[in-house]
Protein backbone atom coordinates (compact mmCIF):
# COMPACT_ATOMS: atom_id res chain seq x y z
CA MET A 1 0.00 0.00 0.00
CA LYS A 2 2.74 2.46 1.00
CA ASN A 3 4.46 2.15 -2.36
CA MET A 4 1.60 4.01 -3.98
CA PHE A 5 3.57 7.06 -2.85
CA LYS A 6 5.93 8.01 -5.66
CA ALA A 7 7.27 11.15 -4.00
CA PHE A 8 7.96 12.86 -0.69
CA LEU A 9 7.60 16.53 0.16
CA ILE A 10 10.26 17.62 2.65
CA LYS A 11 9.38 20.35 5.12
CA TYR A 12 12.13 22.34 6.84
CA GLY A 13 12.02 24.73 9.77
CA GLU A 14 14.64 27.36 10.60
CA ILE A 15 16.08 27.31 7.08
CA GLY A 16 12.95 29.12 5.93
CA ILE A 17 13.90 32.30 7.83
CA LYS A 18 17.50 32.54 6.59
CA GLY A 19 16.90 35.43 4.17
CA LYS A 20 19.39 35.87 1.33
CA ASN A 21 21.49 32.90 2.52
CA ARG A 22 18.53 30.53 2.50
CA TYR A 23 19.57 28.84 -0.75
CA LEU A 24 22.90 27.78 0.85
CA PHE A 25 21.06 25.95 3.63
CA GLU A 26 18.56 24.43 1.17
CA ASP A 27 21.42 23.18 -1.02
CA ALA A 28 23.18 21.73 2.05
CA LEU A 29 19.97 19.97 3.05
CA ILE A 30 19.59 18.51 -0.45
CA ARG A 31 23.18 17.21 -0.26
CA GLN A 32 22.45 15.55 3.09
CA ILE A 33 19.23 13.99 1.76
CA ARG A 34 21.08 12.56 -1.24
CA TYR A 35 23.80 11.21 1.06
CA ALA A 36 21.21 9.61 3.37
CA LEU A 37 19.40 7.97 0.45
CA ALA A 38 22.59 6.67 -1.23
CA ASP A 39 22.44 3.40 0.72
CA VAL A 40 18.68 2.96 0.41
CA GLU A 41 17.32 0.51 -2.13
CA GLY A 42 15.80 2.46 -5.01
CA GLU A 43 16.55 5.41 -7.29
CA PHE A 44 15.66 8.94 -6.16
CA ASP A 45 15.74 12.44 -7.61
CA VAL A 46 15.96 15.29 -5.08
CA THR A 47 14.88 18.70 -6.40
CA LYS A 48 14.06 22.16 -5.14
CA GLU A 49 11.07 24.11 -6.43
CA GLN A 50 9.57 27.37 -5.10
CA GLY A 51 10.67 26.92 -1.50
CA ARG A 52 9.85 23.22 -1.52
CA ILE A 53 12.14 20.17 -1.60
CA TYR A 54 10.77 17.09 -3.35
CA ILE A 55 12.07 13.55 -3.53
CA GLU A 56 10.81 11.73 -6.61
CA CYS A 57 10.98 7.93 -6.37
CA LEU A 58 12.11 6.84 -9.85
CA SER A 59 12.02 3.09 -9.23
CA ASP A 60 10.67 0.55 -6.77
CA TYR A 61 11.94 1.39 -3.29
CA ASP A 62 11.61 0.30 0.33
CA TYR A 63 9.20 2.78 1.94
CA ASP A 64 10.13 2.08 5.58
CA GLU A 65 13.87 2.14 4.91
CA THR A 66 13.52 5.41 2.99
CA VAL A 67 11.53 7.11 5.75
CA ASP A 68 13.96 5.86 8.44
CA ALA A 69 16.89 7.32 6.48
CA LEU A 70 15.12 10.68 6.07
CA LYS A 71 14.25 10.79 9.79
CA ARG A 72 18.00 10.95 10.52
CA VAL A 73 18.65 14.00 8.31
CA PHE A 74 19.10 17.16 10.37
CA GLY A 75 17.20 20.12 8.92
CA ILE A 76 14.06 18.13 8.07
CA VAL A 77 11.06 18.85 10.32
CA GLY A 78 8.46 16.92 8.31
CA ILE A 79 8.41 14.10 5.76
CA CYS A 80 5.21 14.05 3.73
CA PRO A 81 4.48 11.00 1.51
CA VAL A 82 2.66 12.49 -1.48
CA VAL A 83 0.61 11.31 -4.39
CA HIS A 84 1.26 13.53 -7.40
CA VAL A 85 -0.98 13.73 -10.42
CA GLU A 86 -1.03 15.64 -13.69
CA ASP A 87 -3.46 18.54 -13.98
CA GLU A 88 -6.23 17.12 -16.17
CA GLY A 89 -8.98 19.42 -14.97
CA PHE A 90 -10.89 19.81 -11.72
CA GLU A 91 -13.17 16.80 -12.21
CA LYS A 92 -10.14 14.55 -12.57
CA LEU A 93 -8.67 16.11 -9.41
CA VAL A 94 -11.89 15.31 -7.52
CA GLU A 95 -11.53 11.67 -8.62
CA GLU A 96 -7.90 11.52 -7.50
CA VAL A 97 -8.56 13.13 -4.12
CA THR A 98 -11.57 10.90 -3.47
CA ALA A 99 -9.53 7.79 -4.33
CA TYR A 100 -6.70 9.01 -2.06
CA MET A 101 -9.04 9.54 0.91
CA ASP A 102 -10.71 6.17 0.36
CA TRP A 103 -7.34 4.41 0.22
CA MET A 104 -5.70 6.25 3.13
CA TYR A 105 -8.63 6.22 5.56
CA PRO A 106 -10.80 3.07 5.43
CA ASP A 107 -12.68 4.29 8.54
CA LYS A 108 -14.69 7.29 7.31
CA ASN A 109 -16.17 8.08 10.74
CA THR A 110 -13.75 10.95 11.20
CA THR A 111 -13.24 14.68 10.55
CA PHE A 112 -11.26 16.47 7.86
CA LYS A 113 -10.36 19.83 6.42
CA VAL A 114 -9.08 20.63 2.93
CA SER A 115 -6.10 22.98 2.79
CA ALA A 116 -5.33 23.99 -0.79
CA ARG A 117 -2.30 25.97 -1.90
CA ARG A 118 -2.38 27.42 -5.40
CA ALA A 119 1.26 28.08 -6.28
CA ARG A 120 0.36 28.15 -10.00
CA LYS A 121 -1.75 31.27 -10.33
CA ASN A 122 -3.27 30.40 -13.71
CA TYR A 123 -5.28 27.59 -12.14
CA PRO A 124 -8.98 28.48 -12.70
CA LEU A 125 -10.01 28.18 -9.02
CA ASP A 126 -8.38 30.03 -6.13
CA SER A 127 -7.41 28.32 -2.87
CA MET A 128 -10.70 29.07 -1.07
CA GLU A 129 -12.76 27.79 -3.99
CA ILE A 130 -10.70 24.58 -4.16
CA ASN A 131 -11.19 24.05 -0.40
CA ARG A 132 -14.94 24.55 -0.68
CA GLU A 133 -15.50 22.48 -3.83
CA LEU A 134 -13.29 19.55 -2.83
CA GLY A 135 -14.73 19.51 0.70
CA GLY A 136 -18.26 19.38 -0.68
CA ARG A 137 -17.44 16.55 -3.10
CA LEU A 138 -15.82 14.48 -0.32
CA LEU A 139 -18.92 14.94 1.87
CA GLU A 140 -21.03 13.64 -1.00
CA ALA A 141 -18.72 10.68 -1.58
CA PHE A 142 -18.43 9.66 2.09
CA PRO A 143 -21.63 10.37 4.07
CA GLU A 144 -20.08 9.46 7.47
CA ILE A 145 -17.20 11.94 7.21
CA ARG A 146 -17.51 15.42 8.79
CA VAL A 147 -15.79 18.75 8.29
CA ASP A 148 -13.96 20.29 11.25
CA VAL A 149 -12.11 23.49 10.35
CA HIS A 150 -10.58 23.97 13.80
CA LYS A 151 -9.23 20.56 14.91
CA PRO A 152 -9.64 18.10 12.05
CA ALA A 153 -8.38 14.54 12.45
CA ILE A 154 -7.24 14.68 8.81
CA MET A 155 -5.65 17.75 7.23
CA LEU A 156 -5.89 17.09 3.50
CA ASN A 157 -3.29 19.19 1.69
CA VAL A 158 -3.59 19.84 -2.04
CA GLU A 159 -0.79 21.84 -3.69
CA ILE A 160 -1.35 23.11 -7.23
CA ARG A 161 2.05 23.39 -8.92
CA GLN A 162 3.27 22.11 -12.32
CA LYS A 163 1.88 18.84 -11.01
CA ILE A 164 -0.70 18.54 -8.25
CA TYR A 165 0.51 17.12 -4.94
CA ILE A 166 -1.89 15.46 -2.49
CA TYR A 167 -0.85 14.54 1.08
CA SER A 168 -2.25 14.31 4.58
CA GLU A 169 0.48 12.67 6.65
CA ILE A 170 3.44 14.57 8.09
CA ILE A 171 6.05 12.26 9.65
CA PRO A 172 8.20 14.20 12.18
CA GLY A 173 11.83 14.71 11.13
CA ALA A 174 14.96 15.22 13.23
CA GLY A 175 14.78 19.04 13.13
CA GLY A 176 17.91 21.14 13.54
CA MET A 177 20.16 22.41 10.75
CA PRO A 178 21.85 20.57 7.86
CA VAL A 179 25.24 19.18 8.88
CA GLY A 180 28.10 21.25 7.52
CA THR A 181 26.35 24.63 7.65
CA ASN A 182 27.80 25.68 11.03
CA GLY A 183 31.47 24.77 11.10
CA LYS A 184 33.27 21.80 12.60
CA ALA A 185 34.07 20.57 16.12
CA MET A 186 36.00 17.77 17.85
CA LEU A 187 34.04 15.40 20.10
CA LEU A 188 35.81 13.72 23.03
CA LEU A 189 34.15 10.33 22.59
CA SER A 190 34.30 7.82 25.43
CA GLY A 191 32.43 4.56 25.72
CA GLY A 192 29.83 6.10 28.03
CA ILE A 193 26.26 7.26 27.56
CA ASP A 194 26.83 11.02 27.57
CA SER A 195 29.42 11.80 24.88
CA PRO A 196 27.57 10.20 21.92
CA VAL A 197 24.48 12.21 22.92
CA ALA A 198 26.59 15.38 23.09
CA GLY A 199 27.95 14.72 19.59
CA TYR A 200 24.46 14.11 18.24
CA MET A 201 23.15 17.35 19.76
CA ILE A 202 25.92 19.52 18.33
CA ALA A 203 25.64 17.83 14.91
CA LYS A 204 21.92 18.64 15.05
CA ARG A 205 22.84 22.32 14.98
CA GLY A 206 24.61 21.87 11.63
CA VAL A 207 28.13 21.24 12.98
CA LYS A 208 30.28 18.62 11.26
CA ILE A 209 32.02 16.50 13.88
CA ASP A 210 35.27 14.60 14.21
CA ALA A 211 36.02 12.57 17.34
CA THR A 212 38.91 11.61 19.61
CA TYR A 213 39.03 8.51 21.83
CA PHE A 214 41.71 7.88 24.46
CA HIS A 215 42.73 4.21 24.50
CA ALA A 216 44.88 2.71 27.28
CA PRO A 217 46.03 -0.77 26.33
CA PRO A 218 46.45 -3.21 28.06
CA TYR A 219 44.22 -1.62 30.72
CA THR A 220 41.48 -1.18 28.16
CA SER A 221 40.71 -3.99 25.75
CA GLU A 222 40.35 -4.07 22.00
CA ARG A 223 36.67 -4.70 22.70
CA ALA A 224 36.46 -1.33 24.50
CA LYS A 225 37.99 0.31 21.42
CA GLN A 226 35.53 -1.50 19.14
CA LYS A 227 32.67 -0.31 21.35
CA VAL A 228 33.70 3.31 20.74
CA ILE A 229 33.96 2.68 16.99
CA ASP A 230 30.45 1.19 17.12
CA LEU A 231 29.19 4.29 18.96
CA ALA A 232 30.83 6.55 16.38
CA LYS A 233 29.03 4.60 13.63
CA LEU A 234 25.68 5.14 15.36
CA VAL A 235 26.31 8.90 15.69
CA ALA A 236 27.54 9.02 12.07
CA ARG A 237 24.09 7.86 10.90
CA TYR A 238 22.97 11.39 11.87
CA SER A 239 26.16 13.44 11.52
CA GLY A 240 27.65 11.95 8.38
CA PRO A 241 31.19 10.48 8.25
CA ILE A 242 33.34 10.98 11.36
CA ASN A 243 37.14 10.97 11.43
CA LEU A 244 37.78 9.07 14.67
CA ASN A 245 41.23 9.65 16.22
CA ILE A 246 42.36 6.86 18.57
CA VAL A 247 45.06 8.13 20.94
CA ASN A 248 47.27 5.71 22.88
CA PHE A 249 47.14 7.31 26.32
CA THR A 250 48.68 4.51 28.44
CA ASP A 251 52.15 5.97 29.00
CA ILE A 252 50.78 9.41 29.87
CA GLN A 253 48.29 7.93 32.35
CA LEU A 254 50.93 5.78 34.04
CA TYR A 255 53.31 8.74 34.27
CA ILE A 256 50.63 10.95 35.84
CA TYR A 257 49.75 8.07 38.20
CA GLU A 258 53.39 7.81 39.24
CA LYS A 259 54.15 11.53 39.64
CA CYS A 260 50.96 13.24 40.84
CA PRO A 261 48.72 13.04 43.96
CA HIS A 262 46.14 10.33 43.39
CA ASP A 263 43.18 12.49 44.38
CA GLU A 264 44.12 14.79 41.46
CA LEU A 265 44.56 12.02 38.86
CA THR A 266 41.24 12.48 37.10
CA ILE A 267 41.59 16.25 36.73
CA ILE A 268 45.19 16.14 35.52
CA MET A 269 44.49 13.32 33.05
CA ARG A 270 41.47 15.22 31.82
CA ARG A 271 43.58 18.36 31.29
CA TYR A 272 46.03 16.41 29.10
CA MET A 273 43.17 14.85 27.17
CA MET A 274 41.87 18.35 26.46
CA LYS A 275 45.32 19.53 25.36
CA ILE A 276 45.77 16.62 22.94
CA SER A 277 42.19 16.93 21.65
CA GLU A 278 42.67 20.64 21.03
CA HIS A 279 45.89 19.96 19.11
CA LEU A 280 44.09 17.40 16.91
CA ALA A 281 41.11 19.75 16.56
CA LYS A 282 43.27 22.59 15.29
CA GLU A 283 45.09 20.25 12.89
CA SER A 284 41.77 19.21 11.31
CA GLY A 285 40.19 22.68 11.17
CA CYS A 286 37.80 22.32 14.11
CA GLN A 287 36.67 25.48 15.88
CA ALA A 288 35.62 23.91 19.20
CA LEU A 289 35.71 20.83 21.44
CA ILE A 290 32.59 18.91 22.50
CA THR A 291 32.27 16.92 25.73
CA GLY A 292 29.44 15.02 27.39
CA GLU A 293 29.94 16.60 30.82
CA SER A 294 26.98 17.43 33.05
CA ILE A 295 27.35 19.59 36.15
CA GLY A 296 27.80 17.56 39.33
CA GLN A 297 27.33 14.14 37.73
CA VAL A 298 30.78 12.91 38.87
CA ALA A 299 33.74 14.42 40.72
CA SER A 300 35.40 15.61 37.50
CA GLN A 301 32.24 17.54 36.54
CA THR A 302 31.86 19.98 39.42
CA MET A 303 32.07 23.66 38.53
CA GLN A 304 35.61 23.84 39.93
CA SER A 305 36.70 20.71 38.00
CA LEU A 306 35.21 22.00 34.74
CA ALA A 307 37.00 25.30 35.25
CA ALA A 308 40.28 23.43 35.83
CA THR A 309 39.96 21.45 32.59
CA ASN A 310 38.78 24.49 30.62
CA GLU A 311 41.85 26.41 31.73
CA VAL A 312 44.13 24.51 29.33
CA CYS A 313 41.96 25.20 26.26
CA THR A 314 42.28 28.11 23.86
CA ILE A 315 39.23 27.17 21.75
CA PRO A 316 35.63 26.98 23.03
CA VAL A 317 34.41 23.82 24.77
CA PHE A 318 30.77 22.99 24.05
CA ARG A 319 28.92 20.89 26.64
CA PRO A 320 25.40 20.43 25.25
CA VAL A 321 24.18 18.16 28.11
CA ILE A 322 25.63 20.38 30.85
CA GLY A 323 22.24 21.05 32.48
CA PHE A 324 20.64 17.66 31.88
CA ASP A 325 19.76 15.06 34.49
CA LYS A 326 21.13 11.59 33.74
CA GLN A 327 17.68 10.29 32.82
CA GLU A 328 17.23 13.07 30.26
CA ILE A 329 20.52 12.05 28.62
CA VAL A 330 19.50 8.37 28.73
CA ASP A 331 16.19 9.23 27.03
CA ILE A 332 18.04 10.80 24.07
CA ALA A 333 20.52 7.88 23.95
CA LEU A 334 17.58 5.48 23.71
CA ARG A 335 16.01 7.55 20.94
CA ILE A 336 19.18 7.60 18.82
CA ASP A 337 20.01 3.92 19.56
CA THR A 338 23.36 4.49 21.31
CA TYR A 339 22.22 3.43 24.80
CA GLU A 340 22.52 -0.36 24.43
CA THR A 341 26.05 -0.02 23.03
CA SER A 342 27.08 2.51 25.70
CA ILE A 343 26.14 0.20 28.58
CA GLN A 344 28.24 -2.72 27.33
CA PRO A 345 30.66 -3.57 30.20
CA TYR A 346 33.96 -2.59 28.59
CA GLU A 347 35.98 -0.06 30.58
CA ASP A 348 37.28 3.13 29.01
CA CYS A 349 40.59 4.64 30.11
CA CYS A 350 39.03 7.11 32.55
CA THR A 351 37.50 4.47 34.79
CA ILE A 352 40.71 2.42 35.20
CA PHE A 353 42.67 5.10 37.04
CA VAL A 354 39.93 6.61 39.21
CA ALA A 355 41.03 7.51 42.75
CA LYS A 356 38.97 6.31 45.70
CA HIS A 357 38.50 9.87 46.91
CA PRO A 358 38.99 12.25 43.96
CA VAL A 359 39.22 15.97 44.64
CA THR A 360 35.89 17.64 43.85
CA LYS A 361 36.94 21.27 44.23
CA PRO A 362 40.40 21.44 42.67
CA ASN A 363 42.45 24.59 43.04
CA ILE A 364 44.03 25.39 39.66
CA ASN A 365 47.25 26.67 41.28
CA ILE A 366 47.67 23.42 43.23
CA ILE A 367 46.92 21.38 40.10
CA LYS A 368 49.56 23.33 38.17
CA ARG A 369 52.07 22.79 40.99
CA SER A 370 51.45 19.03 40.78
CA GLU A 371 51.85 19.12 37.00
CA ARG A 372 55.39 20.48 37.45
CA ASN A 373 56.34 16.94 38.49
CA LEU A 374 55.60 15.91 34.90
CA GLU A 375 57.75 18.50 33.12
CA GLU A 376 60.70 16.19 32.55
CA LYS A 377 58.92 13.89 30.08
CA ILE A 378 55.32 14.97 29.50
CA ASP A 379 55.88 17.12 26.38
CA GLU A 380 57.76 14.32 24.65
CA MET A 381 55.06 11.81 25.65
CA MET A 382 52.33 14.06 24.25
CA GLU A 383 54.25 14.41 20.97
CA THR A 384 54.55 10.61 20.77
CA ALA A 385 50.82 10.16 21.50
CA ILE A 386 49.93 12.67 18.77
CA ALA A 387 52.39 11.19 16.27
CA THR A 388 51.02 7.67 16.76
CA VAL A 389 47.31 8.54 16.50
CA GLU A 390 45.28 6.00 14.54
CA THR A 391 42.55 7.70 12.50
CA ILE A 392 39.57 5.72 11.25
CA VAL A 393 36.92 7.12 8.93
CA VAL A 394 33.62 5.95 10.43
CA GLU A 395 30.49 6.02 8.26
């Protein structure tokens, strides 16, 4: 039944208020739609016409797979499966609309409203006349159906363009902005619940993302590394391809463990992670870092701890889940399908070296004094870690 739809109308939100730059955002959205549909069975043509984006289905296609792919494209607020017909006069249109309603809604004990849009001004009836005439004909065809102009169960949309488009279903899209329209940022990706959600949320605002993962073999397993790659793949379904940098952090962690007070381990390690991530970010043209930190969730996420890690950065650090409760983050993780992968029991490098009683209100001056113990070797170790980064393109 669903494959009677030979086209989709794509509705977008914020892009519509972008003024003279609007076409840039529309073109970016079209690129993302084409990318999303590249792996879907079927042949599609994506076009732009008078402030509308249409997807024409040129061959047999999998309806559910197509809709699922479109639901992951940022910038789309609504996906409308449409029936399009040639303009062969009003009587023919009445036939088509009646057949559509009969097919879509077997139960006629419902309410409807016709909403016509006459984009082609040479059409003999104006929008109000189309609404009135079509509504009357549908009432004649289906005696049980009723008109409700305020809160109809069915909003029947009829758009008069070169062809005539008929639709009544609007499937919610992901919202946001097309990826690539708002710069690029580096995500610190761990194996936890929070960082994939943070990456998703920043990508939703049109930011292209790369990612960095800190691996600590043999303290973290190859399975832990694979888990992070799997998470990056799940985020990439929304964000597009991600360059995932895997940093061998073992020697730096052991050196910090040996030279610094154990209650400061987490903060000092975090500061060096930020330094390395920033270096990689600048190398790849990123304008910011992204983390999954939330105020007060753990000892390294108090206001004082966040200030201590921020202090080493010269580019902005975006923390999109900073004010979220854990359950709110979990809810998003469930929605984007990262949760089940995140809770797999493979340790990341942070959890291996956690002190029993970590400092929760670190003093930056004391932290810096402790870091002086590292000066003999730490710069060389950071250079080695950066030089031996393994980068995987995750799609």
